[in-house]
Amino acid sequence: SAIYYPLSILPEWAQMIAALIPVSYIFEGSRQIITTGHIDMSKLIISFILNILYIVLSFVFLERSFKKVLKKGLVKVE
């Protein structure tokens, strides 16, 4: 997630993985603030959108898992 080094020095396969991690955009934005003094809002927006996407996907996964458990009768809800 580019904590210590910029994303640009990572191998291409690692850059593709880091592009899916919201924190990597925050660290890249922080690095840019330190070097230039300006905030790149697009990095913050991408990080926010990825976080929202992962939260929605986790709720969908939780709901489907819970419905499957109820269908199999592994838990009793009163």
PDB file of N, CA and C in Angstrom:
ATOM      1  N   SER A   1       0.818  -1.202   0.000  1.00  0.00           N
ATOM      2  CA  SER A   1       0.000   0.000   0.000  1.00  0.00           C
ATOM      3  C   SER A   1       0.856   1.258   0.000  1.00  0.00           C
ATOM      4  N   ALA A   2       2.097   1.149  -0.416  1.00  0.00           N
ATOM      5  CA  ALA A   2       2.989   2.306  -0.636  1.00  0.00           C
ATOM      6  C   ALA A   2       3.225   3.121   0.619  1.00  0.00           C
ATOM      7  N   ILE A   3       3.468   2.443   1.715  1.00  0.00           N
ATOM      8  CA  ILE A   3       3.740   3.158   2.959  1.00  0.00           C
ATOM      9  C   ILE A   3       5.114   3.806   2.910  1.00  0.00           C
ATOM     10  N   TYR A   4       6.118   3.037   2.556  1.00  0.00           N
ATOM     11  CA  TYR A   4       7.495   3.516   2.609  1.00  0.00           C
ATOM     12  C   TYR A   4       8.030   3.999   1.274  1.00  0.00           C
ATOM     13  N   TYR A   5       7.540   3.458   0.193  1.00  0.00           N
ATOM     14  CA  TYR A   5       8.038   3.779  -1.138  1.00  0.00           C
ATOM     15  C   TYR A   5       6.877   4.183  -2.038  1.00  0.00           C
ATOM     16  N   PRO A   6       7.140   5.026  -3.039  1.00  0.00           N
ATOM     17  CA  PRO A   6       6.067   5.377  -3.983  1.00  0.00           C
ATOM     18  C   PRO A   6       5.648   4.179  -4.825  1.00  0.00           C
ATOM     19  N   LEU A   7       4.431   4.221  -5.296  1.00  0.00           N
ATOM     20  CA  LEU A   7       3.908   3.137  -6.124  1.00  0.00           C
ATOM     21  C   LEU A   7       4.718   2.952  -7.406  1.00  0.00           C
ATOM     22  N   SER A   8       5.304   4.014  -7.893  1.00  0.00           N
ATOM     23  CA  SER A   8       6.008   3.950  -9.174  1.00  0.00           C
ATOM     24  C   SER A   8       7.226   3.030  -9.150  1.00  0.00           C
ATOM     25  N   ILE A   9       7.800   2.741  -7.980  1.00  0.00           N
ATOM     26  CA  ILE A   9       8.976   1.873  -7.951  1.00  0.00           C
ATOM     27  C   ILE A   9       8.608   0.401  -7.774  1.00  0.00           C
ATOM     28  N   LEU A  10       7.341   0.129  -7.553  1.00  0.00           N
ATOM     29  CA  LEU A  10       6.898  -1.258  -7.416  1.00  0.00           C
ATOM     30  C   LEU A  10       6.837  -1.919  -8.787  1.00  0.00           C
ATOM     31  N   PRO A  11       6.974  -3.255  -8.825  1.00  0.00           N
ATOM     32  CA  PRO A  11       6.767  -3.952 -10.104  1.00  0.00           C
ATOM     33  C   PRO A  11       5.330  -3.742 -10.585  1.00  0.00           C
ATOM     34  N   GLU A  12       5.128  -3.920 -11.870  1.00  0.00           N
ATOM     35  CA  GLU A  12       3.812  -3.634 -12.449  1.00  0.00           C
ATOM     36  C   GLU A  12       2.704  -4.475 -11.813  1.00  0.00           C
ATOM     37  N   TRP A  13       2.963  -5.746 -11.524  1.00  0.00           N
ATOM     38  CA  TRP A  13       1.942  -6.597 -10.911  1.00  0.00           C
ATOM     39  C   TRP A  13       1.576  -6.087  -9.518  1.00  0.00           C
ATOM     40  N   ALA A  14       2.565  -5.564  -8.788  1.00  0.00           N
ATOM     41  CA  ALA A  14       2.287  -5.038  -7.450  1.00  0.00           C
ATOM     42  C   ALA A  14       1.545  -3.705  -7.531  1.00  0.00           C
ATOM     43  N   GLN A  15       1.811  -2.930  -8.562  1.00  0.00           N
ATOM     44  CA  GLN A  15       1.079  -1.680  -8.754  1.00  0.00           C
ATOM     45  C   GLN A  15      -0.391  -1.948  -9.028  1.00  0.00           C
ATOM     46  N   MET A  16      -0.673  -3.020  -9.761  1.00  0.00           N
ATOM     47  CA  MET A  16      -2.069  -3.363 -10.056  1.00  0.00           C
ATOM     48  C   MET A  16      -2.797  -3.784  -8.779  1.00  0.00           C
ATOM     49  N   ILE A  17      -2.124  -4.504  -7.904  1.00  0.00           N
ATOM     50  CA  ILE A  17      -2.727  -4.893  -6.631  1.00  0.00           C
ATOM     51  C   ILE A  17      -2.915  -3.669  -5.746  1.00  0.00           C
ATOM     52  N   ALA A  18      -1.907  -2.799  -5.696  1.00  0.00           N
ATOM     53  CA  ALA A  18      -1.980  -1.594  -4.865  1.00  0.00           C
ATOM     54  C   ALA A  18      -3.096  -0.661  -5.333  1.00  0.00           C
ATOM     55  N   ALA A  19      -3.438  -0.714  -6.606  1.00  0.00           N
ATOM     56  CA  ALA A  19      -4.522   0.129  -7.130  1.00  0.00           C
ATOM     57  C   ALA A  19      -5.874  -0.277  -6.560  1.00  0.00           C
ATOM     58  N   LEU A  20      -5.969  -1.483  -5.996  1.00  0.00           N
ATOM     59  CA  LEU A  20      -7.218  -1.950  -5.400  1.00  0.00           C
ATOM     60  C   LEU A  20      -7.294  -1.673  -3.905  1.00  0.00           C
ATOM     61  N   ILE A  21      -6.229  -1.124  -3.338  1.00  0.00           N
ATOM     62  CA  ILE A  21      -6.159  -0.871  -1.895  1.00  0.00           C
ATOM     63  C   ILE A  21      -6.349   0.629  -1.652  1.00  0.00           C
ATOM     64  N   PRO A  22      -7.421   1.024  -0.956  1.00  0.00           N
ATOM     65  CA  PRO A  22      -7.694   2.447  -0.750  1.00  0.00           C
ATOM     66  C   PRO A  22      -6.574   3.207  -0.029  1.00  0.00           C
ATOM     67  N   VAL A  23      -5.904   2.549   0.886  1.00  0.00           N
ATOM     68  CA  VAL A  23      -4.861   3.230   1.669  1.00  0.00           C
ATOM     69  C   VAL A  23      -3.699   3.665   0.787  1.00  0.00           C
ATOM     70  N   SER A  24      -3.441   2.957  -0.294  1.00  0.00           N
ATOM     71  CA  SER A  24      -2.331   3.343  -1.167  1.00  0.00           C
ATOM     72  C   SER A  24      -2.553   4.740  -1.756  1.00  0.00           C
ATOM     73  N   TYR A  25      -3.803   5.090  -2.030  1.00  0.00           N
ATOM     74  CA  TYR A  25      -4.094   6.435  -2.548  1.00  0.00           C
ATOM     75  C   TYR A  25      -3.880   7.502  -1.470  1.00  0.00           C
ATOM     76  N   ILE A  26      -4.175   7.154  -0.235  1.00  0.00           N
ATOM     77  CA  ILE A  26      -3.971   8.097   0.861  1.00  0.00           C
ATOM     78  C   ILE A  26      -2.480   8.359   1.059  1.00  0.00           C
ATOM     79  N   PHE A  27      -1.682   7.301   1.047  1.00  0.00           N
ATOM     80  CA  PHE A  27      -0.236   7.472   1.214  1.00  0.00           C
ATOM     81  C   PHE A  27       0.383   8.223   0.044  1.00  0.00           C
ATOM     82  N   GLU A  28      -0.072   7.927  -1.169  1.00  0.00           N
ATOM     83  CA  GLU A  28       0.427   8.665  -2.330  1.00  0.00           C
ATOM     84  C   GLU A  28       0.028  10.142  -2.242  1.00  0.00           C
ATOM     85  N   GLY A  29      -1.194  10.408  -1.794  1.00  0.00           N
ATOM     86  CA  GLY A  29      -1.623  11.796  -1.616  1.00  0.00           C
ATOM     87  C   GLY A  29      -0.836  12.503  -0.533  1.00  0.00           C
ATOM     88  N   SER A  30      -0.546  11.798   0.553  1.00  0.00           N
ATOM     89  CA  SER A  30       0.258  12.377   1.631  1.00  0.00           C
ATOM     90  C   SER A  30       1.668  12.682   1.143  1.00  0.00           C
ATOM     91  N   ARG A  31       2.220  11.781   0.366  1.00  0.00           N
ATOM     92  CA  ARG A  31       3.560  11.996  -0.192  1.00  0.00           C
ATOM     93  C   ARG A  31       3.565  13.219  -1.104  1.00  0.00           C
ATOM     94  N   GLN A  32       2.495  13.387  -1.865  1.00  0.00           N
ATOM     95  CA  GLN A  32       2.393  14.536  -2.757  1.00  0.00           C
ATOM     96  C   GLN A  32       2.262  15.840  -1.963  1.00  0.00           C
ATOM     97  N   ILE A  33       1.515  15.811  -0.871  1.00  0.00           N
ATOM     98  CA  ILE A  33       1.381  17.004  -0.029  1.00  0.00           C
ATOM     99  C   ILE A  33       2.740  17.407   0.524  1.00  0.00           C
ATOM    100  N   ILE A  34       3.527  16.430   0.957  1.00  0.00           N
ATOM    101  CA  ILE A  34       4.847  16.724   1.518  1.00  0.00           C
ATOM    102  C   ILE A  34       5.770  17.311   0.458  1.00  0.00           C
ATOM    103  N   THR A  35       5.727  16.778  -0.758  1.00  0.00           N
ATOM    104  CA  THR A  35       6.655  17.243  -1.792  1.00  0.00           C
ATOM    105  C   THR A  35       6.202  18.524  -2.488  1.00  0.00           C
ATOM    106  N   THR A  36       4.906  18.676  -2.747  1.00  0.00           N
ATOM    107  CA  THR A  36       4.442  19.838  -3.512  1.00  0.00           C
ATOM    108  C   THR A  36       3.643  20.840  -2.688  1.00  0.00           C
ATOM    109  N   GLY A  37       3.055  20.381  -1.585  1.00  0.00           N
ATOM    110  CA  GLY A  37       2.229  21.268  -0.782  1.00  0.00           C
ATOM    111  C   GLY A  37       0.790  21.361  -1.255  1.00  0.00           C
ATOM    112  N   HIS A  38       0.419  20.569  -2.259  1.00  0.00           N
ATOM    113  CA  HIS A  38      -0.932  20.596  -2.806  1.00  0.00           C
ATOM    114  C   HIS A  38      -1.610  19.245  -2.613  1.00  0.00           C
ATOM    115  N   ILE A  39      -2.935  19.304  -2.455  1.00  0.00           N
ATOM    116  CA  ILE A  39      -3.725  18.093  -2.280  1.00  0.00           C
ATOM    117  C   ILE A  39      -4.326  17.700  -3.626  1.00  0.00           C
ATOM    118  N   ASP A  40      -4.147  16.432  -3.991  1.00  0.00           N
ATOM    119  CA  ASP A  40      -4.780  15.893  -5.194  1.00  0.00           C
ATOM    120  C   ASP A  40      -6.088  15.235  -4.763  1.00  0.00           C
ATOM    121  N   MET A  41      -7.187  15.940  -4.987  1.00  0.00           N
ATOM    122  CA  MET A  41      -8.489  15.449  -4.544  1.00  0.00           C
ATOM    123  C   MET A  41      -8.911  14.169  -5.244  1.00  0.00           C
ATOM    124  N   SER A  42      -8.407  13.924  -6.439  1.00  0.00           N
ATOM    125  CA  SER A  42      -8.798  12.714  -7.156  1.00  0.00           C
ATOM    126  C   SER A  42      -8.338  11.464  -6.405  1.00  0.00           C
ATOM    127  N   LYS A  43      -7.190  11.506  -5.768  1.00  0.00           N
ATOM    128  CA  LYS A  43      -6.722  10.363  -4.989  1.00  0.00           C
ATOM    129  C   LYS A  43      -7.637  10.120  -3.784  1.00  0.00           C
ATOM    130  N   LEU A  44      -8.078  11.177  -3.142  1.00  0.00           N
ATOM    131  CA  LEU A  44      -8.995  11.029  -2.017  1.00  0.00           C
ATOM    132  C   LEU A  44     -10.347  10.489  -2.470  1.00  0.00           C
ATOM    133  N   ILE A  45     -10.816  10.949  -3.604  1.00  0.00           N
ATOM    134  CA  ILE A  45     -12.103  10.501  -4.128  1.00  0.00           C
ATOM    135  C   ILE A  45     -12.038   9.027  -4.512  1.00  0.00           C
ATOM    136  N   ILE A  46     -10.950   8.617  -5.166  1.00  0.00           N
ATOM    137  CA  ILE A  46     -10.791   7.199  -5.525  1.00  0.00           C
ATOM    138  C   ILE A  46     -10.762   6.335  -4.277  1.00  0.00           C
ATOM    139  N   SER A  47     -10.031   6.776  -3.262  1.00  0.00           N
ATOM    140  CA  SER A  47      -9.964   6.029  -2.004  1.00  0.00           C
ATOM    141  C   SER A  47     -11.344   5.921  -1.367  1.00  0.00           C
ATOM    142  N   PHE A  48     -12.089   7.008  -1.362  1.00  0.00           N
ATOM    143  CA  PHE A  48     -13.436   7.013  -0.792  1.00  0.00           C
ATOM    144  C   PHE A  48     -14.362   6.062  -1.557  1.00  0.00           C
ATOM    145  N   ILE A  49     -14.303   6.105  -2.883  1.00  0.00           N
ATOM    146  CA  ILE A  49     -15.152   5.241  -3.711  1.00  0.00           C
ATOM    147  C   ILE A  49     -14.811   3.768  -3.486  1.00  0.00           C
ATOM    148  N   LEU A  50     -13.521   3.452  -3.411  1.00  0.00           N
ATOM    149  CA  LEU A  50     -13.123   2.066  -3.144  1.00  0.00           C
ATOM    150  C   LEU A  50     -13.616   1.611  -1.777  1.00  0.00           C
ATOM    151  N   ASN A  51     -13.517   2.478  -0.774  1.00  0.00           N
ATOM    152  CA  ASN A  51     -14.009   2.126   0.554  1.00  0.00           C
ATOM    153  C   ASN A  51     -15.511   1.855   0.538  1.00  0.00           C
ATOM    154  N   ILE A  52     -16.272   2.709  -0.130  1.00  0.00           N
ATOM    155  CA  ILE A  52     -17.720   2.510  -0.232  1.00  0.00           C
ATOM    156  C   ILE A  52     -18.021   1.202  -0.966  1.00  0.00           C
ATOM    157  N   LEU A  53     -17.309   0.949  -2.060  1.00  0.00           N
ATOM    158  CA  LEU A  53     -17.505  -0.290  -2.816  1.00  0.00           C
ATOM    159  C   LEU A  53     -17.247  -1.513  -1.943  1.00  0.00           C
ATOM    160  N   TYR A  54     -16.159  -1.505  -1.182  1.00  0.00           N
ATOM    161  CA  TYR A  54     -15.842  -2.656  -0.337  1.00  0.00           C
ATOM    162  C   TYR A  54     -16.848  -2.823   0.803  1.00  0.00           C
ATOM    163  N   ILE A  55     -17.368  -1.735   1.325  1.00  0.00           N
ATOM    164  CA  ILE A  55     -18.389  -1.836   2.372  1.00  0.00           C
ATOM    165  C   ILE A  55     -19.669  -2.442   1.802  1.00  0.00           C
ATOM    166  N   VAL A  56     -20.081  -1.979   0.633  1.00  0.00           N
ATOM    167  CA  VAL A  56     -21.292  -2.515   0.000  1.00  0.00           C
ATOM    168  C   VAL A  56     -21.110  -4.001  -0.318  1.00  0.00           C
ATOM    169  N   LEU A  57     -19.963  -4.363  -0.880  1.00  0.00           N
ATOM    170  CA  LEU A  57     -19.705  -5.768  -1.184  1.00  0.00           C
ATOM    171  C   LEU A  57     -19.678  -6.627   0.073  1.00  0.00           C
ATOM    172  N   SER A  58     -19.155  -6.093   1.166  1.00  0.00           N
ATOM    173  CA  SER A  58     -19.127  -6.875   2.409  1.00  0.00           C
ATOM    174  C   SER A  58     -20.536  -7.074   2.966  1.00  0.00           C
ATOM    175  N   PHE A  59     -21.405  -6.071   2.835  1.00  0.00           N
ATOM    176  CA  PHE A  59     -22.792  -6.228   3.279  1.00  0.00           C
ATOM    177  C   PHE A  59     -23.530  -7.256   2.422  1.00  0.00           C
ATOM    178  N   VAL A  60     -23.292  -7.227   1.123  1.00  0.00           N
ATOM    179  CA  VAL A  60     -23.918  -8.201   0.231  1.00  0.00           C
ATOM    180  C   VAL A  60     -23.453  -9.607   0.596  1.00  0.00           C
ATOM    181  N   PHE A  61     -22.151  -9.774   0.822  1.00  0.00           N
ATOM    182  CA  PHE A  61     -21.613 -11.070   1.210  1.00  0.00           C
ATOM    183  C   PHE A  61     -22.203 -11.534   2.538  1.00  0.00           C
ATOM    184  N   LEU A  62     -22.297 -10.625   3.510  1.00  0.00           N
ATOM    185  CA  LEU A  62     -22.859 -10.970   4.816  1.00  0.00           C
ATOM    186  C   LEU A  62     -24.318 -11.388   4.686  1.00  0.00           C
ATOM    187  N   GLU A  63     -25.084 -10.646   3.914  1.00  0.00           N
ATOM    188  CA  GLU A  63     -26.501 -10.972   3.738  1.00  0.00           C
ATOM    189  C   GLU A  63     -26.674 -12.337   3.085  1.00  0.00           C
ATOM    190  N   ARG A  64     -25.914 -12.605   2.022  1.00  0.00           N
ATOM    191  CA  ARG A  64     -26.025 -13.902   1.348  1.00  0.00           C
ATOM    192  C   ARG A  64     -25.586 -15.037   2.253  1.00  0.00           C
ATOM    193  N   SER A  65     -24.533 -14.821   3.008  1.00  0.00           N
ATOM    194  CA  SER A  65     -24.061 -15.861   3.923  1.00  0.00           C
ATOM    195  C   SER A  65     -25.104 -16.145   4.993  1.00  0.00           C
ATOM    196  N   PHE A  66     -25.698 -15.085   5.537  1.00  0.00           N
ATOM    197  CA  PHE A  66     -26.706 -15.253   6.580  1.00  0.00           C
ATOM    198  C   PHE A  66     -27.931 -15.987   6.046  1.00  0.00           C
ATOM    199  N   LYS A  67     -28.366 -15.633   4.822  1.00  0.00           N
ATOM    200  CA  LYS A  67     -29.516 -16.316   4.227  1.00  0.00           C
ATOM    201  C   LYS A  67     -29.221 -17.789   3.987  1.00  0.00           C
ATOM    202  N   LYS A  68     -28.003 -18.102   3.578  1.00  0.00           N
ATOM    203  CA  LYS A  68     -27.627 -19.497   3.348  1.00  0.00           C
ATOM    204  C   LYS A  68     -27.615 -20.279   4.656  1.00  0.00           C
ATOM    205  N   VAL A  69     -27.133 -19.652   5.729  1.00  0.00           N
ATOM    206  CA  VAL A  69     -27.117 -20.307   7.043  1.00  0.00           C
ATOM    207  C   VAL A  69     -28.540 -20.556   7.518  1.00  0.00           C
ATOM    208  N   LEU A  70     -29.428 -19.581   7.341  1.00  0.00           N
ATOM    209  CA  LEU A  70     -30.823 -19.758   7.731  1.00  0.00           C
ATOM    210  C   LEU A  70     -31.490 -20.853   6.905  1.00  0.00           C
ATOM    211  N   LYS A  71     -31.195 -20.896   5.612  1.00  0.00           N
ATOM    212  CA  LYS A  71     -31.796 -21.894   4.731  1.00  0.00           C
ATOM    213  C   LYS A  71     -31.381 -23.312   5.126  1.00  0.00           C
ATOM    214  N   LYS A  72     -30.116 -23.462   5.548  1.00  0.00           N
ATOM    215  CA  LYS A  72     -29.621 -24.775   5.943  1.00  0.00           C
ATOM    216  C   LYS A  72     -30.034 -25.134   7.378  1.00  0.00           C
ATOM    217  N   GLY A  73     -30.581 -24.182   8.094  1.00  0.00           N
ATOM    218  CA  GLY A  73     -31.030 -24.434   9.455  1.00  0.00           C
ATOM    219  C   GLY A  73     -29.902 -24.535  10.463  1.00  0.00           C
ATOM    220  N   LEU A  74     -28.780 -23.870  10.187  1.00  0.00           N
ATOM    221  CA  LEU A  74     -27.636 -23.936  11.076  1.00  0.00           C
ATOM    222  C   LEU A  74     -27.749 -22.987  12.265  1.00  0.00           C
ATOM    223  N   VAL A  75     -28.693 -22.055  12.184  1.00  0.00           N
ATOM    224  CA  VAL A  75     -28.914 -21.127  13.290  1.00  0.00           C
ATOM    225  C   VAL A  75     -30.412 -20.887  13.404  1.00  0.00           C
ATOM    226  N   LYS A  76     -30.853 -20.638  14.613  1.00  0.00           N
ATOM    227  CA  LYS A  76     -32.261 -20.410  14.852  1.00  0.00           C
ATOM    228  C   LYS A  76     -32.453 -18.957  15.279  1.00  0.00           C
ATOM    229  N   VAL A  77     -33.315 -18.242  14.553  1.00  0.00           N
ATOM    230  CA  VAL A  77     -33.601 -16.841  14.861  1.00  0.00           C
ATOM    231  C   VAL A  77     -35.038 -16.750  15.316  1.00  0.00           C
ATOM    232  N   GLU A  78     -35.246 -16.175  16.498  1.00  0.00           N
ATOM    233  CA  GLU A  78     -36.604 -16.039  17.021  1.00  0.00           C
ATOM    234  C   GLU A  78     -37.038 -14.614  17.040  1.00  0.00           C
TER     235      GLU A  78
END
